[in-house]
Amino acid sequence: MGELAERVKINLLVNGNGIPDNFKNNSLFFYNKYQESTKEVLAVSVTAVQPGGFYFIHYLDTSSWMQFSPVFVADYKKFSNKIIIFAINFNFIPIEVRTLLFDQYVSEQDFENDALLKVDYKGVYDKLRDLGFEYAIMEYDASRVKLVHKIELDLLPRFLYSQHPKNIYDPKKLIQIWDAKIANRDERHKEMMMASIDEFFDINNDISEKYGVLRNHVSRIRNNMKKYGPGGSNTWT
């Protein structure tokens, strides 16, 4: 058991009576924090978002799981006039798995220094794929990010056991999604390895025949682009 798991264990004793009570209390705690900006839950510009950090993103999207996203940012890519943020969306991952995912990456010194984690896109993708949750990595068009809060690492044990109150946590549904996705995990991986993110966001290029497993994912991205506009107004520093 690593440093993160130990701190999660302590927080589960401090912030509620059991996991459901903790989850409710933590969700309300962060919801109130998102109405303001404090050192621990700091409202930042999207241009200040960095790989290796934990954030809560308010996003323009038709899915509530994307609208209110607790995330770990793994990478970003710039092309044309766009910046696309690649992030693990915890709404797709059961709360017990979230700690398992990051326990090996967080040290006591990281907590003390509020450090960005030293793990890249490939590292988190491979770990997610081992667990069968690689589909939880989502692409965020920076121009559609309405509001973002950086989560201080000291609050990570609580953050992993929370969710926006407008999203109902349903572990059975998450396992059903996992069951459906695990069957074609290898095919999804092959398509991801040949995928070009530029193509996903190029609505003028028909790629419906190129992808099978990822076809619905690409369609969702493009439909949201059409609904909310192409964006491209943000810059990255």
Protein backbone atom coordinates (compact mmCIF):
# COMPACT_ATOMS: atom_id res chain seq x y z
CA MET A 1 0.00 0.00 0.00
CA GLY A 2 1.47 3.33 -1.10
CA GLU A 3 1.26 6.85 0.29
CA LEU A 4 -1.96 7.70 -1.55
CA ALA A 5 -3.77 4.56 -0.40
CA GLU A 6 -2.71 5.24 3.18
CA ARG A 7 -4.08 8.78 3.02
CA VAL A 8 -7.30 7.59 1.42
CA LYS A 9 -7.73 5.11 4.27
CA ILE A 10 -7.30 7.89 6.85
CA ASN A 11 -9.65 10.25 5.02
CA LEU A 12 -12.36 7.59 4.89
CA LEU A 13 -12.26 7.57 8.70
CA VAL A 14 -12.24 11.36 9.03
CA ASN A 15 -14.75 12.59 6.46
CA GLY A 16 -17.69 10.27 6.90
CA ASN A 17 -19.03 6.93 8.09
CA GLY A 18 -18.16 4.54 5.28
CA ILE A 19 -17.70 5.07 1.55
CA PRO A 20 -21.24 6.33 0.70
CA ASP A 21 -21.13 8.92 3.47
CA ASN A 22 -17.62 10.00 2.48
CA PHE A 23 -18.66 10.28 -1.16
CA LYS A 24 -21.64 12.49 -0.29
CA ASN A 25 -19.65 14.72 2.08
CA ASN A 26 -16.71 15.07 -0.31
CA SER A 27 -18.95 15.85 -3.28
CA LEU A 28 -20.69 18.65 -1.38
CA PHE A 29 -17.34 19.92 -0.08
CA PHE A 30 -15.91 20.31 -3.58
CA TYR A 31 -19.16 21.59 -5.06
CA ASN A 32 -19.03 24.51 -2.62
CA LYS A 33 -15.35 25.05 -3.44
CA TYR A 34 -16.15 25.30 -7.15
CA GLN A 35 -18.26 28.39 -6.43
CA GLU A 36 -15.14 30.28 -5.34
CA SER A 37 -11.34 30.05 -5.49
CA THR A 38 -9.08 29.05 -2.63
CA LYS A 39 -5.48 27.86 -2.35
CA GLU A 40 -6.64 24.25 -2.12
CA VAL A 41 -9.19 24.46 -4.97
CA LEU A 42 -7.86 27.24 -7.15
CA ALA A 43 -9.70 28.71 -10.13
CA VAL A 44 -7.17 28.99 -12.94
CA SER A 45 -7.11 29.93 -16.60
CA VAL A 46 -7.21 27.03 -19.03
CA THR A 47 -3.80 28.23 -20.18
CA ALA A 48 -2.44 27.34 -16.72
CA VAL A 49 -3.54 23.69 -16.92
CA GLN A 50 -0.52 21.36 -16.91
CA PRO A 51 0.01 17.64 -17.49
CA GLY A 52 0.51 15.78 -14.22
CA GLY A 53 -2.13 17.77 -12.33
CA PHE A 54 -5.64 17.13 -11.04
CA TYR A 55 -8.42 19.52 -12.05
CA PHE A 56 -12.16 19.95 -12.13
CA ILE A 57 -13.38 21.12 -15.53
CA HIS A 58 -16.72 22.73 -16.40
CA TYR A 59 -17.06 21.98 -20.11
CA LEU A 60 -19.47 22.69 -22.96
CA ASP A 61 -20.76 19.26 -23.94
CA THR A 62 -24.07 17.44 -24.29
CA SER A 63 -22.99 14.77 -21.77
CA SER A 64 -23.22 15.68 -18.08
CA TRP A 65 -20.26 13.35 -17.48
CA MET A 66 -18.23 15.69 -19.67
CA GLN A 67 -19.89 18.93 -18.51
CA PHE A 68 -18.72 18.31 -14.92
CA SER A 69 -15.39 16.52 -15.16
CA PRO A 70 -13.02 15.58 -12.32
CA VAL A 71 -9.84 14.80 -14.24
CA PHE A 72 -6.15 14.03 -14.30
CA VAL A 73 -4.45 15.80 -17.20
CA ALA A 74 -2.08 13.48 -19.06
CA ASP A 75 -1.06 15.56 -22.08
CA TYR A 76 -2.12 18.18 -24.61
CA LYS A 77 -1.67 18.74 -28.32
CA LYS A 78 -1.67 21.87 -30.44
CA PHE A 79 -2.67 21.77 -34.10
CA SER A 80 -4.11 24.37 -36.48
CA ASN A 81 -5.85 26.81 -34.14
CA LYS A 82 -6.77 24.22 -31.50
CA ILE A 83 -5.46 23.00 -28.18
CA ILE A 84 -6.76 19.58 -27.15
CA ILE A 85 -6.31 18.45 -23.55
CA PHE A 86 -6.06 14.69 -22.93
CA ALA A 87 -7.39 13.84 -19.48
CA ILE A 88 -8.63 10.87 -17.49
CA ASN A 89 -12.27 11.56 -16.66
CA PHE A 90 -12.98 9.96 -13.27
CA ASN A 91 -16.71 9.88 -13.98
CA PHE A 92 -16.01 6.72 -16.00
CA ILE A 93 -14.00 4.95 -13.29
CA PRO A 94 -15.30 3.34 -10.05
CA ILE A 95 -14.02 5.17 -6.98
CA GLU A 96 -12.08 2.18 -5.63
CA VAL A 97 -10.17 1.87 -8.90
CA ARG A 98 -9.17 5.56 -8.89
CA THR A 99 -6.81 5.10 -5.94
CA LEU A 100 -5.33 1.94 -7.45
CA LEU A 101 -4.59 3.84 -10.63
CA PHE A 102 -2.45 6.53 -8.98
CA ASP A 103 -1.07 4.91 -5.83
CA GLN A 104 2.26 3.97 -7.42
CA TYR A 105 2.86 7.49 -8.74
CA VAL A 106 2.39 9.66 -5.63
CA SER A 107 5.05 9.98 -2.92
CA GLU A 108 4.99 11.72 0.45
CA GLN A 109 7.26 14.40 -1.00
CA ASP A 110 4.79 15.00 -3.83
CA PHE A 111 2.08 15.70 -1.26
CA GLU A 112 4.35 18.02 0.69
CA ASN A 113 5.33 20.00 -2.42
CA ASP A 114 1.96 19.88 -4.21
CA ALA A 115 3.93 18.48 -7.13
CA LEU A 116 2.77 17.56 -10.60
CA LEU A 117 2.95 13.80 -11.02
CA LYS A 118 5.82 12.45 -13.12
CA VAL A 119 3.71 10.29 -15.39
CA ASP A 120 3.08 10.84 -19.09
CA TYR A 121 0.27 9.93 -21.47
CA LYS A 122 1.76 6.53 -22.33
CA GLY A 123 2.23 5.68 -18.65
CA VAL A 124 -1.37 6.38 -17.67
CA TYR A 125 -2.73 4.86 -20.88
CA ASP A 126 -0.85 1.60 -20.30
CA LYS A 127 -2.00 1.47 -16.68
CA LEU A 128 -5.60 2.15 -17.68
CA ARG A 129 -5.42 -0.49 -20.39
CA ASP A 130 -4.16 -3.06 -17.87
CA LEU A 131 -7.24 -2.30 -15.76
CA GLY A 132 -9.59 -2.14 -18.76
CA PHE A 133 -10.46 1.56 -18.40
CA GLU A 134 -8.44 3.13 -21.24
CA TYR A 135 -11.69 4.54 -22.67
CA ALA A 136 -11.78 6.96 -19.70
CA ILE A 137 -9.17 9.15 -21.43
CA MET A 138 -11.13 12.00 -22.99
CA GLU A 139 -10.25 14.88 -25.30
CA TYR A 140 -11.18 18.41 -24.23
CA ASP A 141 -11.17 21.31 -26.68
CA ALA A 142 -9.59 24.09 -24.60
CA SER A 143 -11.84 26.69 -26.21
CA ARG A 144 -14.92 24.97 -24.71
CA VAL A 145 -13.61 24.92 -21.14
CA LYS A 146 -15.86 27.32 -19.22
CA LEU A 147 -14.19 27.07 -15.81
CA VAL A 148 -11.37 25.02 -14.32
CA HIS A 149 -10.14 24.52 -10.75
CA LYS A 150 -6.76 23.08 -9.85
CA ILE A 151 -6.97 20.58 -6.98
CA GLU A 152 -4.15 20.77 -4.44
CA LEU A 153 -2.55 17.35 -4.11
CA ASP A 154 -3.21 17.26 -0.36
CA LEU A 155 -6.94 17.06 -1.21
CA LEU A 156 -6.51 14.22 -3.71
CA PRO A 157 -7.70 11.49 -1.30
CA ARG A 158 -11.00 13.37 -0.97
CA PHE A 159 -11.16 14.40 -4.64
CA LEU A 160 -10.97 10.78 -5.80
CA TYR A 161 -14.00 10.01 -3.62
CA SER A 162 -16.18 12.78 -5.02
CA GLN A 163 -18.28 13.75 -8.01
CA HIS A 164 -20.36 16.73 -9.07
CA PRO A 165 -23.79 16.47 -7.38
CA LYS A 166 -25.54 16.80 -10.75
CA ASN A 167 -24.00 13.46 -11.77
CA ILE A 168 -25.41 10.48 -9.91
CA TYR A 169 -22.74 7.93 -9.03
CA ASP A 170 -23.90 4.50 -10.18
CA PRO A 171 -21.24 1.79 -9.71
CA LYS A 172 -23.43 -0.84 -11.38
CA LYS A 173 -23.66 1.29 -14.52
CA LEU A 174 -19.89 1.80 -14.53
CA ILE A 175 -19.32 -1.96 -14.35
CA GLN A 176 -21.86 -2.51 -17.15
CA ILE A 177 -19.93 -0.04 -19.31
CA TRP A 178 -16.67 -1.77 -18.39
CA ASP A 179 -18.15 -5.17 -19.31
CA ALA A 180 -19.25 -3.84 -22.69
CA LYS A 181 -15.92 -2.15 -23.40
CA ILE A 182 -13.62 -4.95 -22.24
CA ALA A 183 -14.86 -7.26 -24.99
CA ASN A 184 -13.33 -5.10 -27.74
CA ARG A 185 -10.40 -3.67 -25.78
CA ASP A 186 -7.79 -5.03 -28.22
CA GLU A 187 -9.60 -3.62 -31.24
CA ARG A 188 -9.94 -0.25 -29.51
CA HIS A 189 -6.23 -0.27 -28.74
CA LYS A 190 -5.34 -0.96 -32.38
CA GLU A 191 -7.53 1.92 -33.53
CA MET A 192 -6.09 4.23 -30.88
CA MET A 193 -2.56 3.41 -32.03
CA MET A 194 -3.38 4.43 -35.61
CA ALA A 195 -5.70 7.29 -34.67
CA SER A 196 -4.94 10.91 -35.51
CA ILE A 197 -6.48 13.42 -33.12
CA ASP A 198 -6.44 15.99 -35.94
CA GLU A 199 -8.92 13.80 -37.83
CA PHE A 200 -11.27 13.56 -34.84
CA PHE A 201 -11.78 17.33 -34.87
CA ASP A 202 -11.82 17.83 -38.65
CA ILE A 203 -15.54 17.85 -39.37
CA ASN A 204 -14.91 18.39 -43.07
CA ASN A 205 -13.13 15.05 -43.40
CA ASP A 206 -15.31 11.92 -43.54
CA ILE A 207 -13.56 9.16 -41.60
CA SER A 208 -16.64 7.04 -40.85
CA GLU A 209 -15.14 4.04 -42.67
CA LYS A 210 -11.73 4.30 -40.98
CA TYR A 211 -12.85 3.56 -37.42
CA GLY A 212 -15.10 0.88 -35.98
CA VAL A 213 -14.89 0.80 -32.19
CA LEU A 214 -14.03 4.52 -32.03
CA ARG A 215 -16.74 5.60 -34.48
CA ASN A 216 -19.24 6.65 -31.79
CA HIS A 217 -16.50 8.44 -29.85
CA VAL A 218 -15.53 10.48 -32.91
CA SER A 219 -19.18 11.19 -33.72
CA ARG A 220 -19.74 12.56 -30.20
CA ILE A 221 -16.74 14.88 -30.56
CA ARG A 222 -17.94 16.17 -33.91
CA ASN A 223 -21.57 16.60 -32.87
CA ASN A 224 -20.46 18.72 -29.92
CA MET A 225 -18.26 20.80 -32.21
CA LYS A 226 -21.27 21.49 -34.42
CA LYS A 227 -23.46 22.35 -31.43
CA TYR A 228 -21.02 24.60 -29.57
CA GLY A 229 -18.88 25.88 -32.42
CA PRO A 230 -15.37 25.08 -33.62
CA GLY A 231 -13.70 27.13 -30.85
CA GLY A 232 -10.01 27.82 -31.12
CA SER A 233 -10.02 31.07 -29.14
CA ASN A 234 -7.67 29.98 -26.35
CA THR A 235 -3.87 30.02 -26.39
CA TRP A 236 -1.44 27.84 -24.45
CA THR A 237 1.61 28.97 -22.51
